Amino acid sequence: MCNVFMATEPLAGTWMTKVTNHKMKIGWAQFLQNISERYADAERIILD
């Protein structure tokens, strides 16, 4: 079992993906950390 995570920024035409070889909450937490590091200067990040 695995997880595939994807985040998009449609107006900028960018996306980021991450595939894990396990299905655990830590994978989601690490993906959110990657997003926050990529947009470190952002005032807020909206998850929808």
N, C-alpha and C. Protein backbone atom coordinates (compact mmCIF):
# COMPACT_ATOMS: atom_id res chain seq x y z
N MET A 1 0.84 -1.16 0.00
CA MET A 1 0.00 0.00 0.00
C MET A 1 0.89 1.23 0.00
N CYS A 2 0.44 2.29 -0.66
CA CYS A 2 1.24 3.52 -0.71
C CYS A 2 0.31 4.73 -0.68
N ASN A 3 0.90 5.91 -0.55
CA ASN A 3 0.18 7.18 -0.62
C ASN A 3 0.76 8.00 -1.75
N VAL A 4 -0.10 8.72 -2.44
CA VAL A 4 0.33 9.69 -3.44
C VAL A 4 -0.27 11.03 -3.02
N PHE A 5 0.57 11.99 -2.72
CA PHE A 5 0.13 13.31 -2.32
C PHE A 5 0.39 14.28 -3.46
N MET A 6 -0.52 15.24 -3.66
CA MET A 6 -0.35 16.23 -4.71
C MET A 6 -0.89 17.57 -4.24
N ALA A 7 -0.15 18.62 -4.53
CA ALA A 7 -0.57 19.98 -4.25
C ALA A 7 -0.44 20.77 -5.54
N THR A 8 -1.43 21.61 -5.82
CA THR A 8 -1.39 22.41 -7.05
C THR A 8 -1.52 23.89 -6.72
N GLU A 9 -0.93 24.68 -7.57
CA GLU A 9 -1.09 26.13 -7.53
C GLU A 9 -1.53 26.53 -8.94
N PRO A 10 -2.84 26.42 -9.23
CA PRO A 10 -3.34 26.56 -10.59
C PRO A 10 -3.00 27.89 -11.27
N LEU A 11 -3.08 28.99 -10.56
CA LEU A 11 -2.81 30.28 -11.18
C LEU A 11 -1.35 30.43 -11.60
N ALA A 12 -0.45 29.76 -10.89
CA ALA A 12 0.97 29.79 -11.24
C ALA A 12 1.35 28.65 -12.18
N GLY A 13 0.45 27.66 -12.31
CA GLY A 13 0.74 26.53 -13.18
C GLY A 13 1.78 25.58 -12.61
N THR A 14 1.84 25.48 -11.29
CA THR A 14 2.82 24.59 -10.66
C THR A 14 2.12 23.53 -9.82
N TRP A 15 2.86 22.48 -9.54
CA TRP A 15 2.36 21.42 -8.68
C TRP A 15 3.53 20.73 -8.03
N MET A 16 3.25 20.00 -6.98
CA MET A 16 4.27 19.18 -6.34
C MET A 16 3.61 17.87 -5.92
N THR A 17 4.36 16.79 -6.03
CA THR A 17 3.85 15.47 -5.68
C THR A 17 4.84 14.75 -4.79
N LYS A 18 4.32 13.80 -4.05
CA LYS A 18 5.17 12.95 -3.21
C LYS A 18 4.51 11.58 -3.12
N VAL A 19 5.28 10.55 -3.31
CA VAL A 19 4.81 9.17 -3.20
C VAL A 19 5.55 8.52 -2.05
N THR A 20 4.80 7.87 -1.17
CA THR A 20 5.42 7.15 -0.06
C THR A 20 5.14 5.66 -0.23
N ASN A 21 5.99 4.85 0.29
CA ASN A 21 5.80 3.40 0.18
C ASN A 21 5.09 2.83 1.40
N HIS A 22 4.52 3.72 2.20
CA HIS A 22 3.76 3.29 3.39
C HIS A 22 2.54 4.18 3.54
N LYS A 23 1.58 3.72 4.23
CA LYS A 23 0.34 4.49 4.44
C LYS A 23 0.25 4.85 5.91
N MET A 24 0.95 5.94 6.26
CA MET A 24 0.99 6.38 7.65
C MET A 24 0.80 7.89 7.70
N LYS A 25 0.37 8.39 8.84
CA LYS A 25 0.13 9.82 9.01
C LYS A 25 1.40 10.64 8.86
N ILE A 26 2.53 10.06 9.15
CA ILE A 26 3.80 10.79 9.06
C ILE A 26 4.07 11.25 7.62
N GLY A 27 3.62 10.48 6.63
CA GLY A 27 3.78 10.87 5.24
C GLY A 27 3.06 12.17 4.93
N TRP A 28 1.83 12.31 5.42
CA TRP A 28 1.04 13.53 5.24
C TRP A 28 1.71 14.69 5.96
N ALA A 29 2.19 14.47 7.16
CA ALA A 29 2.85 15.52 7.92
C ALA A 29 4.11 16.00 7.21
N GLN A 30 4.88 15.10 6.65
CA GLN A 30 6.10 15.47 5.93
C GLN A 30 5.77 16.23 4.66
N PHE A 31 4.69 15.85 3.99
CA PHE A 31 4.27 16.56 2.78
C PHE A 31 3.85 17.99 3.13
N LEU A 32 3.11 18.16 4.21
CA LEU A 32 2.73 19.51 4.65
C LEU A 32 3.96 20.33 5.01
N GLN A 33 4.95 19.69 5.60
CA GLN A 33 6.19 20.40 5.93
C GLN A 33 6.90 20.83 4.65
N ASN A 34 6.91 19.98 3.62
CA ASN A 34 7.51 20.34 2.34
C ASN A 34 6.82 21.56 1.74
N ILE A 35 5.48 21.57 1.80
CA ILE A 35 4.72 22.71 1.28
C ILE A 35 5.09 23.98 2.05
N SER A 36 5.11 23.89 3.37
CA SER A 36 5.41 25.08 4.17
C SER A 36 6.83 25.59 3.93
N GLU A 37 7.76 24.70 3.66
CA GLU A 37 9.13 25.13 3.35
C GLU A 37 9.20 25.79 1.98
N ARG A 38 8.44 25.26 1.03
CA ARG A 38 8.44 25.83 -0.33
C ARG A 38 7.84 27.23 -0.33
N TYR A 39 6.83 27.46 0.50
CA TYR A 39 6.16 28.75 0.57
C TYR A 39 6.42 29.41 1.92
N ALA A 40 7.65 29.45 2.32
CA ALA A 40 8.02 29.98 3.63
C ALA A 40 7.63 31.45 3.81
N ASP A 41 7.59 32.21 2.73
CA ASP A 41 7.26 33.63 2.81
C ASP A 41 5.75 33.88 2.71
N ALA A 42 4.97 32.84 2.53
CA ALA A 42 3.52 33.01 2.39
C ALA A 42 2.88 33.47 3.69
N GLU A 43 1.91 34.35 3.56
CA GLU A 43 1.17 34.80 4.72
C GLU A 43 0.26 33.70 5.25
N ARG A 44 -0.31 32.93 4.33
CA ARG A 44 -1.12 31.76 4.70
C ARG A 44 -1.12 30.77 3.56
N ILE A 45 -1.35 29.52 3.89
CA ILE A 45 -1.45 28.43 2.92
C ILE A 45 -2.82 27.80 3.10
N ILE A 46 -3.57 27.74 2.03
CA ILE A 46 -4.94 27.22 2.09
C ILE A 46 -4.95 25.78 1.63
N LEU A 47 -5.47 24.89 2.48
CA LEU A 47 -5.64 23.48 2.13
C LEU A 47 -7.12 23.26 1.85
N ASP A 48 -7.40 22.77 0.68
CA ASP A 48 -8.80 22.59 0.31
C ASP A 48 -9.03 21.19 -0.22
